[in-house]
Amino acid sequence: MVVLLVLKEFLGRDYRGFVELLTDFGCPIELERVPHFTTLHKFLQRLPCGFWDWLLNACLPQRQRCFVGVDSTGFSSTYCSLYFHDRNHGYWAHRFVKHSIIADVKKQLILACRVRLMPSNDNRDFKPLMKKAEDFSPTTVCADKAYDAEENLRFLKAKGIEALIPVRTGKCKPHRTKLRKRLLKLWNTKPSLEKRYHQRSKLETIFSVIKRRLGGCLRSRLHTTMKREVKIKTLCYNLHRLTKISLITEVFYRAGVAAAFLYGKLDN
């Protein structure tokens, strides 16, 4: 069932269209019969959201001392047309799902992600994402000004991680906090930091690939399934980077036993 859900998202089909495709051309894995489309949907609702986080981490190659970046984007949560949008005076414009990631900028692989259903401040996701990526021992993290906060800098300093985060110079004055004042001085005296910081643009490439290849609009309507759908898109992107498209089914089939075992433990 996990394999079929990932293939459905990778092919960009809804539940009915995906089941019709399997019925017409055959299932790529060994199944006695093709499941009903409601079976896939109900299985996704029952599957814990944390399972996709575990599977994302399990599919990543273990790598120590990596250069990471943090950023966020949004996925549309409605399929309304532009005509309907204009007639309702932009009522649906604010409906989107926020997707925050931490990624290895050199290999362009997503290490962890967090999904929110409502607009929120980016700082809320910074420390949870860094904690999820501790297994990869990040040495440097780059992020835009939205993550500029004294609390974040203290957290990175305690972990021994170098911070490449531009300091805001508006209402939040840098001289009011010690670490932000020191970071601002480094930005002014070391031009080389600017070149390293622009590695962050690779995260925009990651978001572009996800939305062009897997779609930037969610098919789910329930909040619980929206989160799972975004995490499946993240997993599909990593598999697309790590393996050839023709091997995605084979990779998941080998991991089927471990996934089923973990799902049994989480269900209990």
C-alpha atoms as a PDB file:
ATOM      1  CA  MET A   1       0.000   0.000   0.000  1.00  0.00           C
ATOM      2  CA  VAL A   2       2.880   2.371   0.739  1.00  0.00           C
ATOM      3  CA  VAL A   3       4.400   1.615  -2.658  1.00  0.00           C
ATOM      4  CA  LEU A   4       1.126   2.353  -4.425  1.00  0.00           C
ATOM      5  CA  LEU A   5       0.660   5.645  -2.580  1.00  0.00           C
ATOM      6  CA  VAL A   6       4.137   6.812  -3.577  1.00  0.00           C
ATOM      7  CA  LEU A   7       3.641   5.749  -7.193  1.00  0.00           C
ATOM      8  CA  LYS A   8       0.300   7.549  -7.317  1.00  0.00           C
ATOM      9  CA  GLU A   9       1.928  10.790  -6.175  1.00  0.00           C
ATOM     10  CA  PHE A  10       4.886  10.339  -8.522  1.00  0.00           C
ATOM     11  CA  LEU A  11       2.598   9.842 -11.512  1.00  0.00           C
ATOM     12  CA  GLY A  12       0.412  12.801 -10.500  1.00  0.00           C
ATOM     13  CA  ARG A  13      -2.873  10.869 -10.532  1.00  0.00           C
ATOM     14  CA  ASP A  14      -5.895  10.986  -8.262  1.00  0.00           C
ATOM     15  CA  TYR A  15      -7.105   7.797  -6.568  1.00  0.00           C
ATOM     16  CA  ARG A  16      -9.653   6.845  -9.229  1.00  0.00           C
ATOM     17  CA  GLY A  17      -7.317   7.573 -12.139  1.00  0.00           C
ATOM     18  CA  PHE A  18      -4.438   5.683 -10.536  1.00  0.00           C
ATOM     19  CA  VAL A  19      -6.532   2.568  -9.899  1.00  0.00           C
ATOM     20  CA  GLU A  20      -7.826   2.686 -13.491  1.00  0.00           C
ATOM     21  CA  LEU A  21      -4.229   2.902 -14.704  1.00  0.00           C
ATOM     22  CA  LEU A  22      -3.267  -0.175 -12.671  1.00  0.00           C
ATOM     23  CA  THR A  23      -6.302  -2.064 -13.939  1.00  0.00           C
ATOM     24  CA  ASP A  24      -5.565  -1.294 -17.597  1.00  0.00           C
ATOM     25  CA  PHE A  25      -1.778  -1.775 -17.633  1.00  0.00           C
ATOM     26  CA  GLY A  26      -1.169  -4.058 -14.681  1.00  0.00           C
ATOM     27  CA  CYS A  27       0.289  -3.507 -11.227  1.00  0.00           C
ATOM     28  CA  PRO A  28       4.121  -3.085 -11.085  1.00  0.00           C
ATOM     29  CA  ILE A  29       4.374  -5.110  -7.862  1.00  0.00           C
ATOM     30  CA  GLU A  30       3.104  -8.563  -6.974  1.00  0.00           C
ATOM     31  CA  LEU A  31      -0.512  -8.199  -5.859  1.00  0.00           C
ATOM     32  CA  GLU A  32      -3.351 -10.683  -6.054  1.00  0.00           C
ATOM     33  CA  ARG A  33      -5.706  -7.921  -7.178  1.00  0.00           C
ATOM     34  CA  VAL A  34      -5.754  -4.166  -7.616  1.00  0.00           C
ATOM     35  CA  PRO A  35      -7.212  -2.479  -4.499  1.00  0.00           C
ATOM     36  CA  HIS A  36     -10.228  -0.209  -4.645  1.00  0.00           C
ATOM     37  CA  PHE A  37      -9.445   3.503  -4.730  1.00  0.00           C
ATOM     38  CA  THR A  38     -11.164   4.033  -1.353  1.00  0.00           C
ATOM     39  CA  THR A  39      -8.824   1.438   0.164  1.00  0.00           C
ATOM     40  CA  LEU A  40      -5.806   3.573  -0.711  1.00  0.00           C
ATOM     41  CA  HIS A  41      -7.413   6.706   0.663  1.00  0.00           C
ATOM     42  CA  LYS A  42      -8.454   5.097   3.958  1.00  0.00           C
ATOM     43  CA  PHE A  43      -5.020   3.525   4.367  1.00  0.00           C
ATOM     44  CA  LEU A  44      -3.395   6.948   3.995  1.00  0.00           C
ATOM     45  CA  GLN A  45      -5.708   8.337   6.678  1.00  0.00           C
ATOM     46  CA  ARG A  46      -4.855   5.502   9.088  1.00  0.00           C
ATOM     47  CA  LEU A  47      -1.110   5.694   8.521  1.00  0.00           C
ATOM     48  CA  PRO A  48       0.585   7.880  11.179  1.00  0.00           C
ATOM     49  CA  CYS A  49       2.099  11.100   9.848  1.00  0.00           C
ATOM     50  CA  GLY A  50       5.375  10.273  11.613  1.00  0.00           C
ATOM     51  CA  PHE A  51       5.756   7.176   9.447  1.00  0.00           C
ATOM     52  CA  TRP A  52       6.626   9.321   6.409  1.00  0.00           C
ATOM     53  CA  ASP A  53       9.268  11.172   8.429  1.00  0.00           C
ATOM     54  CA  TRP A  54      10.852   7.855   9.370  1.00  0.00           C
ATOM     55  CA  LEU A  55      10.736   6.617   5.779  1.00  0.00           C
ATOM     56  CA  LEU A  56      12.288   9.858   4.515  1.00  0.00           C
ATOM     57  CA  ASN A  57      15.166   9.465   6.942  1.00  0.00           C
ATOM     58  CA  ALA A  58      15.579   5.736   6.199  1.00  0.00           C
ATOM     59  CA  CYS A  59      15.982   6.333   2.453  1.00  0.00           C
ATOM     60  CA  LEU A  60      18.769   8.895   2.893  1.00  0.00           C
ATOM     61  CA  PRO A  61      22.428   7.869   2.713  1.00  0.00           C
ATOM     62  CA  GLN A  62      24.208   8.502   5.994  1.00  0.00           C
ATOM     63  CA  ARG A  63      26.592  11.416   5.624  1.00  0.00           C
ATOM     64  CA  GLN A  64      28.557  13.288   8.258  1.00  0.00           C
ATOM     65  CA  ARG A  65      29.488  16.981   8.365  1.00  0.00           C
ATOM     66  CA  CYS A  66      27.212  18.432   5.715  1.00  0.00           C
ATOM     67  CA  PHE A  67      26.356  21.982   4.630  1.00  0.00           C
ATOM     68  CA  VAL A  68      22.621  22.503   5.125  1.00  0.00           C
ATOM     69  CA  GLY A  69      20.070  25.167   4.279  1.00  0.00           C
ATOM     70  CA  VAL A  70      16.632  25.984   5.695  1.00  0.00           C
ATOM     71  CA  ASP A  71      13.757  27.506   3.738  1.00  0.00           C
ATOM     72  CA  SER A  72      10.006  27.222   3.213  1.00  0.00           C
ATOM     73  CA  THR A  73       7.426  27.363   0.445  1.00  0.00           C
ATOM     74  CA  GLY A  74       3.684  26.946   0.034  1.00  0.00           C
ATOM     75  CA  PHE A  75       1.373  24.480  -1.710  1.00  0.00           C
ATOM     76  CA  SER A  76      -2.053  25.508  -2.918  1.00  0.00           C
ATOM     77  CA  SER A  77      -4.870  23.627  -1.197  1.00  0.00           C
ATOM     78  CA  THR A  78      -7.648  24.276  -3.692  1.00  0.00           C
ATOM     79  CA  TYR A  79      -8.359  23.545  -7.345  1.00  0.00           C
ATOM     80  CA  CYS A  80     -10.689  26.488  -7.935  1.00  0.00           C
ATOM     81  CA  SER A  81     -10.357  28.191 -11.307  1.00  0.00           C
ATOM     82  CA  LEU A  82      -9.252  31.779 -11.832  1.00  0.00           C
ATOM     83  CA  TYR A  83     -12.840  32.651 -12.758  1.00  0.00           C
ATOM     84  CA  PHE A  84     -14.173  31.286  -9.461  1.00  0.00           C
ATOM     85  CA  HIS A  85     -11.361  33.035  -7.601  1.00  0.00           C
ATOM     86  CA  ASP A  86     -12.268  36.416  -9.126  1.00  0.00           C
ATOM     87  CA  ARG A  87     -15.991  35.986  -8.529  1.00  0.00           C
ATOM     88  CA  ASN A  88     -15.313  35.342  -4.843  1.00  0.00           C
ATOM     89  CA  HIS A  89     -13.012  38.370  -4.565  1.00  0.00           C
ATOM     90  CA  GLY A  90      -9.920  36.315  -3.810  1.00  0.00           C
ATOM     91  CA  TYR A  91     -11.543  34.421  -0.926  1.00  0.00           C
ATOM     92  CA  TRP A  92      -9.467  31.290  -1.553  1.00  0.00           C
ATOM     93  CA  ALA A  93      -6.175  33.122  -2.059  1.00  0.00           C
ATOM     94  CA  HIS A  94      -5.043  32.664   1.553  1.00  0.00           C
ATOM     95  CA  ARG A  95      -5.578  28.908   1.590  1.00  0.00           C
ATOM     96  CA  PHE A  96      -2.211  27.203   1.300  1.00  0.00           C
ATOM     97  CA  VAL A  97      -0.069  24.675   3.140  1.00  0.00           C
ATOM     98  CA  LYS A  98       3.341  25.816   4.360  1.00  0.00           C
ATOM     99  CA  HIS A  99       6.223  23.414   3.747  1.00  0.00           C
ATOM    100  CA  SER A 100       9.510  24.017   5.626  1.00  0.00           C
ATOM    101  CA  ILE A 101      12.578  21.906   4.839  1.00  0.00           C
ATOM    102  CA  ILE A 102      16.202  21.468   5.822  1.00  0.00           C
ATOM    103  CA  ALA A 103      18.332  20.161   2.966  1.00  0.00           C
ATOM    104  CA  ASP A 104      21.900  19.243   2.093  1.00  0.00           C
ATOM    105  CA  VAL A 105      22.733  22.010  -0.388  1.00  0.00           C
ATOM    106  CA  LYS A 106      25.602  20.105  -2.010  1.00  0.00           C
ATOM    107  CA  LYS A 107      23.644  16.960  -2.835  1.00  0.00           C
ATOM    108  CA  GLN A 108      20.289  18.769  -2.935  1.00  0.00           C
ATOM    109  CA  LEU A 109      18.611  16.181  -0.734  1.00  0.00           C
ATOM    110  CA  ILE A 110      15.916  16.995   1.808  1.00  0.00           C
ATOM    111  CA  LEU A 111      16.921  15.784   5.281  1.00  0.00           C
ATOM    112  CA  ALA A 112      13.711  16.648   7.134  1.00  0.00           C
ATOM    113  CA  CYS A 113      10.523  18.654   6.707  1.00  0.00           C
ATOM    114  CA  ARG A 114       7.669  20.193   8.660  1.00  0.00           C
ATOM    115  CA  VAL A 115       4.192  20.954   7.324  1.00  0.00           C
ATOM    116  CA  ARG A 116       1.797  23.595   8.654  1.00  0.00           C
ATOM    117  CA  LEU A 117      -1.762  24.197   7.541  1.00  0.00           C
ATOM    118  CA  MET A 118      -1.884  27.898   8.368  1.00  0.00           C
ATOM    119  CA  PRO A 119       0.537  30.776   7.714  1.00  0.00           C
ATOM    120  CA  SER A 120       3.015  31.158  10.563  1.00  0.00           C
ATOM    121  CA  ASN A 121       6.391  32.636  11.393  1.00  0.00           C
ATOM    122  CA  ASP A 122       9.371  30.758   9.946  1.00  0.00           C
ATOM    123  CA  ASN A 123      11.229  30.821  13.271  1.00  0.00           C
ATOM    124  CA  ARG A 124       8.816  28.282  14.728  1.00  0.00           C
ATOM    125  CA  ASP A 125      10.199  25.579  12.447  1.00  0.00           C
ATOM    126  CA  PHE A 126      13.918  26.376  12.621  1.00  0.00           C
ATOM    127  CA  LYS A 127      14.956  24.542  15.792  1.00  0.00           C
ATOM    128  CA  PRO A 128      12.695  21.487  15.201  1.00  0.00           C
ATOM    129  CA  LEU A 129      14.211  21.070  11.721  1.00  0.00           C
ATOM    130  CA  MET A 130      17.764  21.384  13.074  1.00  0.00           C
ATOM    131  CA  LYS A 131      17.026  18.753  15.721  1.00  0.00           C
ATOM    132  CA  LYS A 132      15.696  16.363  13.088  1.00  0.00           C
ATOM    133  CA  ALA A 133      18.928  16.766  11.086  1.00  0.00           C
ATOM    134  CA  GLU A 134      21.277  16.125  14.027  1.00  0.00           C
ATOM    135  CA  ASP A 135      22.035  12.603  12.736  1.00  0.00           C
ATOM    136  CA  PHE A 136      23.794  14.178   9.719  1.00  0.00           C
ATOM    137  CA  SER A 137      26.065  16.395  11.884  1.00  0.00           C
ATOM    138  CA  PRO A 138      25.600  19.702  10.022  1.00  0.00           C
ATOM    139  CA  THR A 139      28.583  22.051  10.272  1.00  0.00           C
ATOM    140  CA  THR A 140      27.082  25.134   8.574  1.00  0.00           C
ATOM    141  CA  VAL A 141      23.517  26.305   8.070  1.00  0.00           C
ATOM    142  CA  CYS A 142      22.373  29.046   5.701  1.00  0.00           C
ATOM    143  CA  ALA A 143      18.954  30.687   5.823  1.00  0.00           C
ATOM    144  CA  ASP A 144      17.354  33.961   4.796  1.00  0.00           C
ATOM    145  CA  LYS A 145      16.479  36.912   7.030  1.00  0.00           C
ATOM    146  CA  ALA A 146      13.194  35.340   8.094  1.00  0.00           C
ATOM    147  CA  TYR A 147      15.209  33.067  10.426  1.00  0.00           C
ATOM    148  CA  ASP A 148      17.243  35.912  11.938  1.00  0.00           C
ATOM    149  CA  ALA A 149      16.679  35.635  15.707  1.00  0.00           C
ATOM    150  CA  GLU A 150      18.909  35.655  18.769  1.00  0.00           C
ATOM    151  CA  GLU A 151      17.322  32.412  19.969  1.00  0.00           C
ATOM    152  CA  ASN A 152      18.292  30.623  16.763  1.00  0.00           C
ATOM    153  CA  LEU A 153      21.867  31.883  16.961  1.00  0.00           C
ATOM    154  CA  ARG A 154      22.192  30.728  20.551  1.00  0.00           C
ATOM    155  CA  PHE A 155      20.923  27.313  19.585  1.00  0.00           C
ATOM    156  CA  LEU A 156      23.452  27.006  16.754  1.00  0.00           C
ATOM    157  CA  LYS A 157      26.305  28.236  18.935  1.00  0.00           C
ATOM    158  CA  ALA A 158      25.508  25.607  21.580  1.00  0.00           C
ATOM    159  CA  LYS A 159      25.630  22.919  18.891  1.00  0.00           C
ATOM    160  CA  GLY A 160      28.874  24.244  17.373  1.00  0.00           C
ATOM    161  CA  ILE A 161      27.219  25.022  14.012  1.00  0.00           C
ATOM    162  CA  GLU A 162      28.247  28.003  11.901  1.00  0.00           C
ATOM    163  CA  ALA A 163      25.361  30.347  11.045  1.00  0.00           C
ATOM    164  CA  LEU A 164      25.090  32.105   7.664  1.00  0.00           C
ATOM    165  CA  ILE A 165      21.966  34.151   8.328  1.00  0.00           C
ATOM    166  CA  PRO A 166      21.773  37.812   7.210  1.00  0.00           C
ATOM    167  CA  VAL A 167      20.886  40.248   9.972  1.00  0.00           C
ATOM    168  CA  ARG A 168      17.805  42.398   9.590  1.00  0.00           C
ATOM    169  CA  THR A 169      18.436  46.108  10.024  1.00  0.00           C
ATOM    170  CA  GLY A 170      14.850  47.356  10.302  1.00  0.00           C
ATOM    171  CA  LYS A 171      12.804  47.654  13.479  1.00  0.00           C
ATOM    172  CA  CYS A 172      14.670  44.740  15.079  1.00  0.00           C
ATOM    173  CA  LYS A 173      18.002  46.504  15.591  1.00  0.00           C
ATOM    174  CA  PRO A 174      21.052  44.202  15.575  1.00  0.00           C
ATOM    175  CA  HIS A 175      22.897  46.047  18.336  1.00  0.00           C
ATOM    176  CA  ARG A 176      20.288  45.006  20.903  1.00  0.00           C
ATOM    177  CA  THR A 177      21.524  41.411  20.968  1.00  0.00           C
ATOM    178  CA  LYS A 178      25.095  40.229  21.333  1.00  0.00           C
ATOM    179  CA  LEU A 179      25.223  37.406  18.803  1.00  0.00           C
ATOM    180  CA  ARG A 180      23.361  39.320  16.107  1.00  0.00           C
ATOM    181  CA  LYS A 181      25.723  42.261  16.542  1.00  0.00           C
ATOM    182  CA  ARG A 182      28.714  39.934  16.155  1.00  0.00           C
ATOM    183  CA  LEU A 183      27.189  38.285  13.088  1.00  0.00           C
ATOM    184  CA  LEU A 184      26.525  41.671  11.477  1.00  0.00           C
ATOM    185  CA  LYS A 185      30.168  42.602  11.986  1.00  0.00           C
ATOM    186  CA  LEU A 186      31.277  39.392  10.234  1.00  0.00           C
ATOM    187  CA  TRP A 187      29.013  40.140   7.259  1.00  0.00           C
ATOM    188  CA  ASN A 188      30.570  43.588   6.921  1.00  0.00           C
ATOM    189  CA  THR A 189      34.200  42.445   7.234  1.00  0.00           C
ATOM    190  CA  LYS A 190      34.186  39.122   5.337  1.00  0.00           C
ATOM    191  CA  PRO A 191      32.889  39.373   1.736  1.00  0.00           C
ATOM    192  CA  SER A 192      33.461  35.626   1.308  1.00  0.00           C
ATOM    193  CA  LEU A 193      30.426  34.925   3.510  1.00  0.00           C
ATOM    194  CA  GLU A 194      28.159  36.330   0.804  1.00  0.00           C
ATOM    195  CA  LYS A 195      29.333  33.738  -1.727  1.00  0.00           C
ATOM    196  CA  ARG A 196      28.837  30.864   0.709  1.00  0.00           C
ATOM    197  CA  TYR A 197      25.445  32.195   1.736  1.00  0.00           C
ATOM    198  CA  HIS A 198      24.164  32.109  -1.840  1.00  0.00           C
ATOM    199  CA  GLN A 199      24.345  28.316  -1.729  1.00  0.00           C
ATOM    200  CA  ARG A 200      20.890  28.791  -0.226  1.00  0.00           C
ATOM    201  CA  SER A 201      19.528  29.400  -3.737  1.00  0.00           C
ATOM    202  CA  LYS A 202      19.743  25.645  -4.311  1.00  0.00           C
ATOM    203  CA  LEU A 203      16.769  25.251  -1.995  1.00  0.00           C
ATOM    204  CA  GLU A 204      14.745  27.291  -4.455  1.00  0.00           C
ATOM    205  CA  THR A 205      15.821  24.777  -7.102  1.00  0.00           C
ATOM    206  CA  ILE A 206      14.521  21.956  -4.899  1.00  0.00           C
ATOM    207  CA  PHE A 207      11.128  23.638  -4.533  1.00  0.00           C
ATOM    208  CA  SER A 208      11.007  24.293  -8.270  1.00  0.00           C
ATOM    209  CA  VAL A 209      11.674  20.642  -9.107  1.00  0.00           C
ATOM    210  CA  ILE A 210       9.042  19.425  -6.655  1.00  0.00           C
ATOM    211  CA  LYS A 211       6.349  21.716  -8.023  1.00  0.00           C
ATOM    212  CA  ARG A 212       7.195  21.171 -11.691  1.00  0.00           C
ATOM    213  CA  ARG A 213       7.567  17.393 -11.425  1.00  0.00           C
ATOM    214  CA  LEU A 214       5.009  16.570  -8.717  1.00  0.00           C
ATOM    215  CA  GLY A 215       2.669  19.565  -8.859  1.00  0.00           C
ATOM    216  CA  GLY A 216       2.242  22.596  -6.642  1.00  0.00           C
ATOM    217  CA  CYS A 217      -1.430  21.974  -5.850  1.00  0.00           C
ATOM    218  CA  LEU A 218      -2.695  19.414  -3.346  1.00  0.00           C
ATOM    219  CA  ARG A 219      -5.495  17.020  -4.194  1.00  0.00           C
ATOM    220  CA  SER A 220      -6.424  16.268  -0.585  1.00  0.00           C
ATOM    221  CA  ARG A 221      -9.216  18.136   1.163  1.00  0.00           C
ATOM    222  CA  LEU A 222      -8.758  17.012   4.776  1.00  0.00           C
ATOM    223  CA  HIS A 223      -6.062  18.653   6.870  1.00  0.00           C
ATOM    224  CA  THR A 224      -4.643  15.320   7.992  1.00  0.00           C
ATOM    225  CA  THR A 225      -4.212  14.007   4.459  1.00  0.00           C
ATOM    226  CA  MET A 226      -2.779  17.337   3.244  1.00  0.00           C
ATOM    227  CA  LYS A 227       0.182  16.922   5.579  1.00  0.00           C
ATOM    228  CA  ARG A 228       0.752  13.359   4.419  1.00  0.00           C
ATOM    229  CA  GLU A 229       0.512  14.323   0.752  1.00  0.00           C
ATOM    230  CA  VAL A 230       3.194  17.011   1.120  1.00  0.00           C
ATOM    231  CA  LYS A 231       5.497  14.558   2.894  1.00  0.00           C
ATOM    232  CA  ILE A 232       4.968  11.994   0.140  1.00  0.00           C
ATOM    233  CA  LYS A 233       5.981  14.640  -2.406  1.00  0.00           C
ATOM    234  CA  THR A 234       9.148  15.239  -0.376  1.00  0.00           C
ATOM    235  CA  LEU A 235       9.906  11.531  -0.344  1.00  0.00           C
ATOM    236  CA  CYS A 236       9.306  11.236  -4.100  1.00  0.00           C
ATOM    237  CA  TYR A 237      11.722  14.087  -4.751  1.00  0.00           C
ATOM    238  CA  ASN A 238      14.500  12.398  -2.753  1.00  0.00           C
ATOM    239  CA  LEU A 239      13.938   9.102  -4.549  1.00  0.00           C
ATOM    240  CA  HIS A 240      14.028  10.934  -7.863  1.00  0.00           C
ATOM    241  CA  ARG A 241      17.414  12.376  -6.881  1.00  0.00           C
ATOM    242  CA  LEU A 242      18.863   9.159  -5.484  1.00  0.00           C
ATOM    243  CA  THR A 243      17.707   6.602  -8.024  1.00  0.00           C
ATOM    244  CA  LYS A 244      16.546   6.271 -11.587  1.00  0.00           C
ATOM    245  CA  ILE A 245      12.816   6.602 -12.098  1.00  0.00           C
ATOM    246  CA  SER A 246      12.546   2.995 -13.266  1.00  0.00           C
ATOM    247  CA  LEU A 247      14.050   1.760  -9.984  1.00  0.00           C
ATOM    248  CA  ILE A 248      11.693   3.543  -7.600  1.00  0.00           C
ATOM    249  CA  THR A 249       9.322   0.584  -7.401  1.00  0.00           C
ATOM    250  CA  GLU A 250      12.186  -1.848  -6.784  1.00  0.00           C
ATOM    251  CA  VAL A 251      13.631   0.294  -3.974  1.00  0.00           C
ATOM    252  CA  PHE A 252      10.301   0.458  -2.158  1.00  0.00           C
ATOM    253  CA  TYR A 253       9.621  -3.225  -2.692  1.00  0.00           C
ATOM    254  CA  ARG A 254      12.897  -4.113  -0.915  1.00  0.00           C
ATOM    255  CA  ALA A 255      11.980  -1.757   1.926  1.00  0.00           C
ATOM    256  CA  GLY A 256       8.457  -3.145   2.223  1.00  0.00           C
ATOM    257  CA  VAL A 257       9.203  -5.563   5.039  1.00  0.00           C
ATOM    258  CA  ALA A 258      10.826  -2.911   7.232  1.00  0.00           C
ATOM    259  CA  ALA A 259       8.024  -0.422   6.541  1.00  0.00           C
ATOM    260  CA  ALA A 260       5.333  -2.960   7.398  1.00  0.00           C
ATOM    261  CA  PHE A 261       7.156  -3.884  10.600  1.00  0.00           C
ATOM    262  CA  LEU A 262       7.412  -0.244  11.712  1.00  0.00           C
ATOM    263  CA  TYR A 263       3.774   0.435  10.851  1.00  0.00           C
ATOM    264  CA  GLY A 264       2.793  -2.497  13.046  1.00  0.00           C
ATOM    265  CA  LYS A 265       4.775  -1.043  15.957  1.00  0.00           C
ATOM    266  CA  LEU A 266       3.295   2.453  15.495  1.00  0.00           C
ATOM    267  CA  ASP A 267      -0.202   1.047  15.214  1.00  0.00           C
ATOM    268  CA  ASN A 268       0.243  -0.812  18.492  1.00  0.00           C
END
